């Protein structure tokens, strides 16, 4: 199960990786195919992806090379 603490940890990793690749939030949103405000929420850890937005979230995670580090259950 994905606890709020695990989600926060992964969101920090996701945002850090995005920044090290010099990817803006808007560029990350284009990769994910999701609205920039939604992606910003994921990166800030303020909300988890909904079931409907999970494919877009996973597209971003894979693009950043973090699919192997997803918490169990994702």
PDB file of N, CA and C in Angstrom:
ATOM      1  N   UNK A   1       0.828  -1.180   0.000  1.00  0.00           N
ATOM      2  CA  UNK A   1       0.000   0.000   0.000  1.00  0.00           C
ATOM      3  C   UNK A   1       0.878   1.251   0.000  1.00  0.00           C
ATOM      4  N   UNK A   2       0.419   2.261  -0.685  1.00  0.00           N
ATOM      5  CA  UNK A   2       1.170   3.501  -0.779  1.00  0.00           C
ATOM      6  C   UNK A   2       0.723   4.447   0.330  1.00  0.00           C
ATOM      7  N   UNK A   3       1.566   4.604   1.321  1.00  0.00           N
ATOM      8  CA  UNK A   3       1.250   5.496   2.438  1.00  0.00           C
ATOM      9  C   UNK A   3       1.567   6.940   2.031  1.00  0.00           C
ATOM     10  N   UNK A   4       1.004   7.914   2.738  1.00  0.00           N
ATOM     11  CA  UNK A   4       1.334   9.316   2.435  1.00  0.00           C
ATOM     12  C   UNK A   4       2.833   9.600   2.533  1.00  0.00           C
ATOM     13  N   UNK A   5       3.512   8.953   3.466  1.00  0.00           N
ATOM     14  CA  UNK A   5       4.955   9.169   3.613  1.00  0.00           C
ATOM     15  C   UNK A   5       5.714   8.640   2.402  1.00  0.00           C
ATOM     16  N   UNK A   6       5.343   7.446   1.945  1.00  0.00           N
ATOM     17  CA  UNK A   6       6.007   6.864   0.767  1.00  0.00           C
ATOM     18  C   UNK A   6       5.723   7.713  -0.462  1.00  0.00           C
ATOM     19  N   UNK A   7       4.471   8.203  -0.577  1.00  0.00           N
ATOM     20  CA  UNK A   7       4.134   9.050  -1.712  1.00  0.00           C
ATOM     21  C   UNK A   7       4.980  10.325  -1.685  1.00  0.00           C
ATOM     22  N   UNK A   8       5.113  10.952  -0.521  1.00  0.00           N
ATOM     23  CA  UNK A   8       5.909  12.180  -0.402  1.00  0.00           C
ATOM     24  C   UNK A   8       7.362  11.935  -0.798  1.00  0.00           C
ATOM     25  N   UNK A   9       7.912  10.826  -0.355  1.00  0.00           N
ATOM     26  CA  UNK A   9       9.294  10.480  -0.698  1.00  0.00           C
ATOM     27  C   UNK A   9       9.459  10.308  -2.198  1.00  0.00           C
ATOM     28  N   UNK A  10       8.516   9.616  -2.816  1.00  0.00           N
ATOM     29  CA  UNK A  10       8.622   9.398  -4.257  1.00  0.00           C
ATOM     30  C   UNK A  10       8.430  10.710  -5.015  1.00  0.00           C
ATOM     31  N   UNK A  11       7.531  11.565  -4.556  1.00  0.00           N
ATOM     32  CA  UNK A  11       7.315  12.859  -5.209  1.00  0.00           C
ATOM     33  C   UNK A  11       8.580  13.704  -5.166  1.00  0.00           C
ATOM     34  N   UNK A  12       9.303  13.669  -4.062  1.00  0.00           N
ATOM     35  CA  UNK A  12      10.568  14.407  -3.954  1.00  0.00           C
ATOM     36  C   UNK A  12      11.567  13.865  -4.975  1.00  0.00           C
ATOM     37  N   UNK A  13      11.657  12.547  -5.078  1.00  0.00           N
ATOM     38  CA  UNK A  13      12.557  11.926  -6.052  1.00  0.00           C
ATOM     39  C   UNK A  13      12.146  12.295  -7.477  1.00  0.00           C
ATOM     40  N   UNK A  14      10.862  12.254  -7.759  1.00  0.00           N
ATOM     41  CA  UNK A  14      10.346  12.584  -9.081  1.00  0.00           C
ATOM     42  C   UNK A  14      10.714  14.029  -9.455  1.00  0.00           C
ATOM     43  N   UNK A  15      10.483  14.954  -8.546  1.00  0.00           N
ATOM     44  CA  UNK A  15      10.771  16.356  -8.823  1.00  0.00           C
ATOM     45  C   UNK A  15      12.272  16.598  -8.947  1.00  0.00           C
ATOM     46  N   UNK A  16      13.057  15.971  -8.086  1.00  0.00           N
ATOM     47  CA  UNK A  16      14.516  16.127  -8.154  1.00  0.00           C
ATOM     48  C   UNK A  16      15.040  15.628  -9.498  1.00  0.00           C
ATOM     49  N   UNK A  17      14.559  14.487  -9.931  1.00  0.00           N
ATOM     50  CA  UNK A  17      14.998  13.918 -11.208  1.00  0.00           C
ATOM     51  C   UNK A  17      14.600  14.827 -12.360  1.00  0.00           C
ATOM     52  N   UNK A  18      13.385  15.352 -12.310  1.00  0.00           N
ATOM     53  CA  UNK A  18      12.938  16.297 -13.345  1.00  0.00           C
ATOM     54  C   UNK A  18      13.877  17.492 -13.424  1.00  0.00           C
ATOM     55  N   UNK A  19      14.237  18.028 -12.274  1.00  0.00           N
ATOM     56  CA  UNK A  19      15.104  19.208 -12.240  1.00  0.00           C
ATOM     57  C   UNK A  19      16.510  18.888 -12.739  1.00  0.00           C
ATOM     58  N   UNK A  20      17.049  17.724 -12.382  1.00  0.00           N
ATOM     59  CA  UNK A  20      18.403  17.378 -12.835  1.00  0.00           C
ATOM     60  C   UNK A  20      18.448  17.183 -14.346  1.00  0.00           C
ATOM     61  N   UNK A  21      17.311  16.859 -14.932  1.00  0.00           N
ATOM     62  CA  UNK A  21      17.237  16.726 -16.400  1.00  0.00           C
ATOM     63  C   UNK A  21      16.836  18.031 -17.073  1.00  0.00           C
ATOM     64  N   UNK A  22      16.756  19.091 -16.286  1.00  0.00           N
ATOM     65  CA  UNK A  22      16.420  20.428 -16.798  1.00  0.00           C
ATOM     66  C   UNK A  22      15.096  20.421 -17.555  1.00  0.00           C
ATOM     67  N   UNK A  23      14.127  19.733 -16.984  1.00  0.00           N
ATOM     68  CA  UNK A  23      12.804  19.613 -17.578  1.00  0.00           C
ATOM     69  C   UNK A  23      11.848  20.520 -16.805  1.00  0.00           C
ATOM     70  N   UNK A  24      11.252  21.474 -17.496  1.00  0.00           N
ATOM     71  CA  UNK A  24      10.298  22.357 -16.837  1.00  0.00           C
ATOM     72  C   UNK A  24       9.024  21.581 -16.504  1.00  0.00           C
ATOM     73  N   UNK A  25       8.193  22.165 -15.672  1.00  0.00           N
ATOM     74  CA  UNK A  25       6.911  21.537 -15.344  1.00  0.00           C
ATOM     75  C   UNK A  25       6.073  21.403 -16.613  1.00  0.00           C
ATOM     76  N   UNK A  26       6.081  22.426 -17.445  1.00  0.00           N
ATOM     77  CA  UNK A  26       5.310  22.359 -18.695  1.00  0.00           C
ATOM     78  C   UNK A  26       5.833  21.264 -19.615  1.00  0.00           C
ATOM     79  N   UNK A  27       7.144  21.119 -19.694  1.00  0.00           N
ATOM     80  CA  UNK A  27       7.717  20.052 -20.525  1.00  0.00           C
ATOM     81  C   UNK A  27       7.363  18.683 -19.942  1.00  0.00           C
ATOM     82  N   UNK A  28       7.408  18.561 -18.629  1.00  0.00           N
ATOM     83  CA  UNK A  28       7.022  17.304 -17.978  1.00  0.00           C
ATOM     84  C   UNK A  28       5.557  16.992 -18.257  1.00  0.00           C
ATOM     85  N   UNK A  29       4.729  18.028 -18.263  1.00  0.00           N
ATOM     86  CA  UNK A  29       3.308  17.848 -18.555  1.00  0.00           C
ATOM     87  C   UNK A  29       3.106  17.374 -19.991  1.00  0.00           C
ATOM     88  N   UNK A  30       3.897  17.903 -20.919  1.00  0.00           N
ATOM     89  CA  UNK A  30       3.797  17.447 -22.315  1.00  0.00           C
ATOM     90  C   UNK A  30       4.183  15.977 -22.425  1.00  0.00           C
ATOM     91  N   UNK A  31       5.238  15.587 -21.720  1.00  0.00           N
ATOM     92  CA  UNK A  31       5.669  14.180 -21.718  1.00  0.00           C
ATOM     93  C   UNK A  31       4.551  13.293 -21.188  1.00  0.00           C
ATOM     94  N   UNK A  32       3.921  13.741 -20.118  1.00  0.00           N
ATOM     95  CA  UNK A  32       2.874  12.948 -19.475  1.00  0.00           C
ATOM     96  C   UNK A  32       1.555  13.002 -20.231  1.00  0.00           C
ATOM     97  N   UNK A  33       1.355  14.062 -20.995  1.00  0.00           N
ATOM     98  CA  UNK A  33       0.065  14.239 -21.646  1.00  0.00           C
ATOM     99  C   UNK A  33      -1.006  14.650 -20.649  1.00  0.00           C
ATOM    100  N   UNK A  34      -0.595  15.419 -19.639  1.00  0.00           N
ATOM    101  CA  UNK A  34      -1.492  15.849 -18.568  1.00  0.00           C
ATOM    102  C   UNK A  34      -1.378  17.363 -18.400  1.00  0.00           C
ATOM    103  N   UNK A  35      -2.377  18.001 -17.806  1.00  0.00           N
ATOM    104  CA  UNK A  35      -2.295  19.450 -17.568  1.00  0.00           C
ATOM    105  C   UNK A  35      -1.125  19.795 -16.636  1.00  0.00           C
ATOM    106  N   UNK A  36      -0.474  20.929 -16.891  1.00  0.00           N
ATOM    107  CA  UNK A  36       0.646  21.332 -16.034  1.00  0.00           C
ATOM    108  C   UNK A  36       0.278  21.430 -14.556  1.00  0.00           C
ATOM    109  N   UNK A  37      -0.930  21.875 -14.243  1.00  0.00           N
ATOM    110  CA  UNK A  37      -1.310  21.979 -12.827  1.00  0.00           C
ATOM    111  C   UNK A  37      -1.397  20.611 -12.176  1.00  0.00           C
ATOM    112  N   UNK A  38      -1.822  19.622 -12.921  1.00  0.00           N
ATOM    113  CA  UNK A  38      -1.882  18.255 -12.399  1.00  0.00           C
ATOM    114  C   UNK A  38      -0.477  17.733 -12.128  1.00  0.00           C
ATOM    115  N   UNK A  39       0.409  17.925 -13.090  1.00  0.00           N
ATOM    116  CA  UNK A  39       1.792  17.463 -12.936  1.00  0.00           C
ATOM    117  C   UNK A  39       2.470  18.204 -11.793  1.00  0.00           C
ATOM    118  N   UNK A  40       2.208  19.489 -11.659  1.00  0.00           N
ATOM    119  CA  UNK A  40       2.786  20.251 -10.549  1.00  0.00           C
ATOM    120  C   UNK A  40       2.349  19.662  -9.208  1.00  0.00           C
ATOM    121  N   UNK A  41       1.102  19.245  -9.108  1.00  0.00           N
ATOM    122  CA  UNK A  41       0.611  18.615  -7.882  1.00  0.00           C
ATOM    123  C   UNK A  41       1.329  17.315  -7.587  1.00  0.00           C
ATOM    124  N   UNK A  42       1.589  16.535  -8.628  1.00  0.00           N
ATOM    125  CA  UNK A  42       2.348  15.287  -8.422  1.00  0.00           C
ATOM    126  C   UNK A  42       3.751  15.597  -7.940  1.00  0.00           C
ATOM    127  N   UNK A  43       4.400  16.561  -8.596  1.00  0.00           N
ATOM    128  CA  UNK A  43       5.785  16.902  -8.261  1.00  0.00           C
ATOM    129  C   UNK A  43       5.917  17.499  -6.872  1.00  0.00           C
ATOM    130  N   UNK A  44       4.906  18.228  -6.445  1.00  0.00           N
ATOM    131  CA  UNK A  44       4.922  18.835  -5.117  1.00  0.00           C
ATOM    132  C   UNK A  44       4.508  17.836  -4.040  1.00  0.00           C
ATOM    133  N   UNK A  45       3.949  16.702  -4.467  1.00  0.00           N
ATOM    134  CA  UNK A  45       3.499  15.702  -3.504  1.00  0.00           C
ATOM    135  C   UNK A  45       2.180  16.056  -2.854  1.00  0.00           C
ATOM    136  N   UNK A  46       1.468  17.039  -3.416  1.00  0.00           N
ATOM    137  CA  UNK A  46       0.210  17.453  -2.805  1.00  0.00           C
ATOM    138  C   UNK A  46      -0.940  16.513  -3.122  1.00  0.00           C
ATOM    139  N   UNK A  47      -0.811  15.759  -4.200  1.00  0.00           N
ATOM    140  CA  UNK A  47      -1.823  14.739  -4.474  1.00  0.00           C
ATOM    141  C   UNK A  47      -1.239  13.609  -5.312  1.00  0.00           C
ATOM    142  N   UNK A  48      -1.771  12.432  -5.068  1.00  0.00           N
ATOM    143  CA  UNK A  48      -1.392  11.249  -5.835  1.00  0.00           C
ATOM    144  C   UNK A  48      -2.176  11.248  -7.139  1.00  0.00           C
ATOM    145  N   UNK A  49      -1.653  10.602  -8.159  1.00  0.00           N
ATOM    146  CA  UNK A  49      -2.411  10.480  -9.398  1.00  0.00           C
ATOM    147  C   UNK A  49      -3.692   9.686  -9.161  1.00  0.00           C
ATOM    148  N   UNK A  50      -4.756  10.131  -9.791  1.00  0.00           N
ATOM    149  CA  UNK A  50      -6.015   9.385  -9.709  1.00  0.00           C
ATOM    150  C   UNK A  50      -5.893   8.149 -10.592  1.00  0.00           C
ATOM    151  N   UNK A  51      -6.843   7.273 -10.468  1.00  0.00           N
ATOM    152  CA  UNK A  51      -6.831   6.078 -11.309  1.00  0.00           C
ATOM    153  C   UNK A  51      -6.886   6.467 -12.789  1.00  0.00           C
ATOM    154  N   UNK A  52      -7.650   7.512 -13.101  1.00  0.00           N
ATOM    155  CA  UNK A  52      -7.763   7.954 -14.491  1.00  0.00           C
ATOM    156  C   UNK A  52      -6.481   8.569 -15.027  1.00  0.00           C
ATOM    157  N   UNK A  53      -5.705   9.209 -14.159  1.00  0.00           N
ATOM    158  CA  UNK A  53      -4.476   9.856 -14.621  1.00  0.00           C
ATOM    159  C   UNK A  53      -3.237   8.978 -14.437  1.00  0.00           C
ATOM    160  N   UNK A  54      -3.429   7.777 -13.948  1.00  0.00           N
ATOM    161  CA  UNK A  54      -2.279   6.891 -13.719  1.00  0.00           C
ATOM    162  C   UNK A  54      -1.465   6.629 -14.989  1.00  0.00           C
ATOM    163  N   UNK A  55      -2.085   6.407 -16.168  1.00  0.00           N
ATOM    164  CA  UNK A  55      -1.260   6.196 -17.366  1.00  0.00           C
ATOM    165  C   UNK A  55      -0.353   7.392 -17.689  1.00  0.00           C
ATOM    166  N   UNK A  56      -0.860   8.597 -17.507  1.00  0.00           N
ATOM    167  CA  UNK A  56      -0.047   9.787 -17.756  1.00  0.00           C
ATOM    168  C   UNK A  56       1.086   9.889 -16.732  1.00  0.00           C
ATOM    169  N   UNK A  57       0.764   9.589 -15.482  1.00  0.00           N
ATOM    170  CA  UNK A  57       1.776   9.612 -14.433  1.00  0.00           C
ATOM    171  C   UNK A  57       2.876   8.598 -14.739  1.00  0.00           C
ATOM    172  N   UNK A  58       2.492   7.401 -15.118  1.00  0.00           N
ATOM    173  CA  UNK A  58       3.473   6.365 -15.416  1.00  0.00           C
ATOM    174  C   UNK A  58       4.321   6.722 -16.635  1.00  0.00           C
ATOM    175  N   UNK A  59       3.740   7.431 -17.602  1.00  0.00           N
ATOM    176  CA  UNK A  59       4.516   7.888 -18.759  1.00  0.00           C
ATOM    177  C   UNK A  59       5.634   8.830 -18.308  1.00  0.00           C
ATOM    178  N   UNK A  60       5.320   9.722 -17.384  1.00  0.00           N
ATOM    179  CA  UNK A  60       6.337  10.641 -16.864  1.00  0.00           C
ATOM    180  C   UNK A  60       7.389   9.879 -16.065  1.00  0.00           C
ATOM    181  N   UNK A  61       6.943   8.977 -15.219  1.00  0.00           N
ATOM    182  CA  UNK A  61       7.869   8.185 -14.403  1.00  0.00           C
ATOM    183  C   UNK A  61       8.839   7.409 -15.294  1.00  0.00           C
ATOM    184  N   UNK A  62       8.321   6.788 -16.337  1.00  0.00           N
ATOM    185  CA  UNK A  62       9.173   6.019 -17.255  1.00  0.00           C
ATOM    186  C   UNK A  62      10.140   6.927 -18.005  1.00  0.00           C
ATOM    187  N   UNK A  63       9.657   8.079 -18.452  1.00  0.00           N
ATOM    188  CA  UNK A  63      10.516   9.033 -19.162  1.00  0.00           C
ATOM    189  C   UNK A  63      11.677   9.483 -18.279  1.00  0.00           C
ATOM    190  N   UNK A  64      11.428   9.599 -16.990  1.00  0.00           N
ATOM    191  CA  UNK A  64      12.475  10.019 -16.055  1.00  0.00           C
ATOM    192  C   UNK A  64      13.324   8.839 -15.568  1.00  0.00           C
ATOM    193  N   UNK A  65      12.994   7.629 -16.015  1.00  0.00           N
ATOM    194  CA  UNK A  65      13.782   6.450 -15.645  1.00  0.00           C
ATOM    195  C   UNK A  65      13.570   5.991 -14.219  1.00  0.00           C
ATOM    196  N   UNK A  66      12.407   6.288 -13.660  1.00  0.00           N
ATOM    197  CA  UNK A  66      12.147   5.951 -12.256  1.00  0.00           C
ATOM    198  C   UNK A  66      11.178   4.786 -12.093  1.00  0.00           C
ATOM    199  N   UNK A  67      10.836   4.114 -13.177  1.00  0.00           N
ATOM    200  CA  UNK A  67       9.847   3.036 -13.086  1.00  0.00           C
ATOM    201  C   UNK A  67      10.297   1.909 -12.168  1.00  0.00           C
ATOM    202  N   UNK A  68      11.588   1.670 -12.074  1.00  0.00           N
ATOM    203  CA  UNK A  68      12.110   0.620 -11.190  1.00  0.00           C
ATOM    204  C   UNK A  68      12.015   1.026  -9.712  1.00  0.00           C
ATOM    205  N   UNK A  69      11.842   2.313  -9.458  1.00  0.00           N
ATOM    206  CA  UNK A  69      11.815   2.810  -8.086  1.00  0.00           C
ATOM    207  C   UNK A  69      10.425   3.140  -7.576  1.00  0.00           C
ATOM    208  N   UNK A  70       9.414   2.827  -8.388  1.00  0.00           N
ATOM    209  CA  UNK A  70       8.032   3.060  -7.943  1.00  0.00           C
ATOM    210  C   UNK A  70       7.752   2.253  -6.691  1.00  0.00           C
ATOM    211  N   UNK A  71       7.028   2.832  -5.755  1.00  0.00           N
ATOM    212  CA  UNK A  71       6.644   2.070  -4.565  1.00  0.00           C
ATOM    213  C   UNK A  71       5.792   0.851  -4.951  1.00  0.00           C
ATOM    214  N   UNK A  72       5.844  -0.210  -4.165  1.00  0.00           N
ATOM    215  CA  UNK A  72       5.041  -1.399  -4.443  1.00  0.00           C
ATOM    216  C   UNK A  72       3.551  -1.037  -4.565  1.00  0.00           C
ATOM    217  N   UNK A  73       2.887  -1.698  -5.476  1.00  0.00           N
ATOM    218  CA  UNK A  73       1.472  -1.452  -5.669  1.00  0.00           C
ATOM    219  C   UNK A  73       1.173  -0.490  -6.800  1.00  0.00           C
ATOM    220  N   UNK A  74       2.220   0.044  -7.421  1.00  0.00           N
ATOM    221  CA  UNK A  74       2.018   0.956  -8.535  1.00  0.00           C
ATOM    222  C   UNK A  74       2.353   0.246  -9.801  1.00  0.00           C
TER     223      UNK A  74
END
